[in-house]
Amino acid sequence: MSEKARKLFDALDLNADGRLTRFEVIDALRSKGPTLAARGDLPFWGLGDADASSALFDAADANGDEELSFEEFAAVVDRRFGW
């Protein structure tokens, strides 16, 4: 799992509990996404609306518990973003 995935996960983990909720992913990508993309921590094409962010969450939630562990998150973003 890449260092970029770790940086992005930590940026999206708004309450710093080590898990991502759907709300955190949507809210953080909306509020922090452009800055993350400008710094190179997120591809510009990875920015999307709430539906795209929700779809990313669904793709990563392998066990269906409505929370993402770092491992679930990294497995999807490393593949999707080519990291």
Protein backbone atom coordinates (compact mmCIF):
# COMPACT_ATOMS: atom_id res chain seq x y z
CA MET A 1 0.00 0.00 0.00
CA SER A 2 1.32 3.34 -1.05
CA GLU A 3 2.38 6.35 0.97
CA LYS A 4 0.04 8.46 -1.19
CA ALA A 5 -2.90 6.31 -0.08
CA ARG A 6 -1.89 6.84 3.55
CA LYS A 7 -1.66 10.64 3.11
CA LEU A 8 -5.05 10.75 1.39
CA PHE A 9 -6.67 8.50 4.01
CA ASP A 10 -5.33 10.66 6.84
CA ALA A 11 -6.57 13.83 5.11
CA LEU A 12 -10.06 12.36 4.71
CA ASP A 13 -10.25 11.00 8.27
CA LEU A 14 -11.82 14.15 9.70
CA ASN A 15 -12.17 12.83 13.26
CA ALA A 16 -8.82 10.97 13.20
CA ASP A 17 -10.31 7.69 14.43
CA GLY A 18 -8.59 5.50 11.83
CA ARG A 19 -11.84 4.73 9.98
CA LEU A 20 -13.64 6.56 7.17
CA THR A 21 -17.38 6.99 6.99
CA ARG A 22 -19.30 7.84 3.83
CA PHE A 23 -19.90 11.35 5.23
CA GLU A 24 -16.18 11.90 5.85
CA VAL A 25 -15.25 10.83 2.33
CA ILE A 26 -17.89 13.02 0.69
CA ASP A 27 -17.36 16.03 2.96
CA ALA A 28 -13.56 15.91 2.96
CA LEU A 29 -13.27 15.45 -0.81
CA ARG A 30 -15.60 18.39 -1.32
CA SER A 31 -13.79 20.67 1.14
CA LYS A 32 -10.19 19.46 0.82
CA GLY A 33 -10.16 17.84 -2.63
CA PRO A 34 -8.91 20.80 -4.66
CA THR A 35 -6.08 21.46 -2.20
CA LEU A 36 -5.14 17.76 -2.11
CA ALA A 37 -5.11 17.66 -5.91
CA ALA A 38 -3.00 20.83 -6.13
CA ARG A 39 -0.44 19.25 -3.76
CA GLY A 40 -0.38 16.04 -5.81
CA ASP A 41 -2.05 13.95 -3.10
CA LEU A 42 -5.09 13.26 -5.30
CA PRO A 43 -5.35 13.16 -9.10
CA PHE A 44 -7.38 16.10 -10.43
CA TRP A 45 -9.58 13.62 -12.30
CA GLY A 46 -10.27 11.97 -8.93
CA LEU A 47 -12.27 14.99 -7.84
CA GLY A 48 -15.97 14.45 -8.27
CA ASP A 49 -19.37 15.25 -6.93
CA ALA A 50 -21.06 13.57 -3.97
CA ASP A 51 -22.24 10.68 -6.16
CA ALA A 52 -18.70 9.96 -7.37
CA SER A 53 -17.36 10.14 -3.82
CA SER A 54 -20.12 7.82 -2.62
CA ALA A 55 -19.33 5.37 -5.43
CA LEU A 56 -15.67 5.38 -4.38
CA PHE A 57 -16.75 4.60 -0.83
CA ASP A 58 -18.99 1.73 -2.00
CA ALA A 59 -16.20 0.26 -4.14
CA ALA A 60 -13.84 0.28 -1.15
CA ASP A 61 -16.25 -1.02 1.51
CA ALA A 62 -15.34 -4.67 0.96
CA ASN A 63 -17.04 -6.02 4.09
CA GLY A 64 -20.13 -3.79 3.88
CA ASP A 65 -19.83 -2.36 7.39
CA GLU A 66 -20.26 1.26 6.20
CA GLU A 67 -16.76 2.18 7.40
CA LEU A 68 -13.46 1.98 5.57
CA SER A 69 -10.30 0.71 7.14
CA PHE A 70 -7.04 1.93 5.68
CA GLU A 71 -6.53 -1.45 4.03
CA GLU A 72 -9.92 -1.33 2.28
CA PHE A 73 -9.34 2.25 1.17
CA ALA A 74 -5.78 1.72 -0.04
CA ALA A 75 -6.66 -1.39 -2.05
CA VAL A 76 -9.10 0.66 -4.15
CA VAL A 77 -7.30 3.99 -4.46
CA ASP A 78 -3.91 2.42 -5.24
CA ARG A 79 -5.52 0.54 -8.13
CA ARG A 80 -7.89 3.30 -9.28
CA PHE A 81 -5.37 6.13 -9.09
CA GLY A 82 -2.44 4.05 -10.38
CA TRP A 83 -0.33 4.37 -7.24
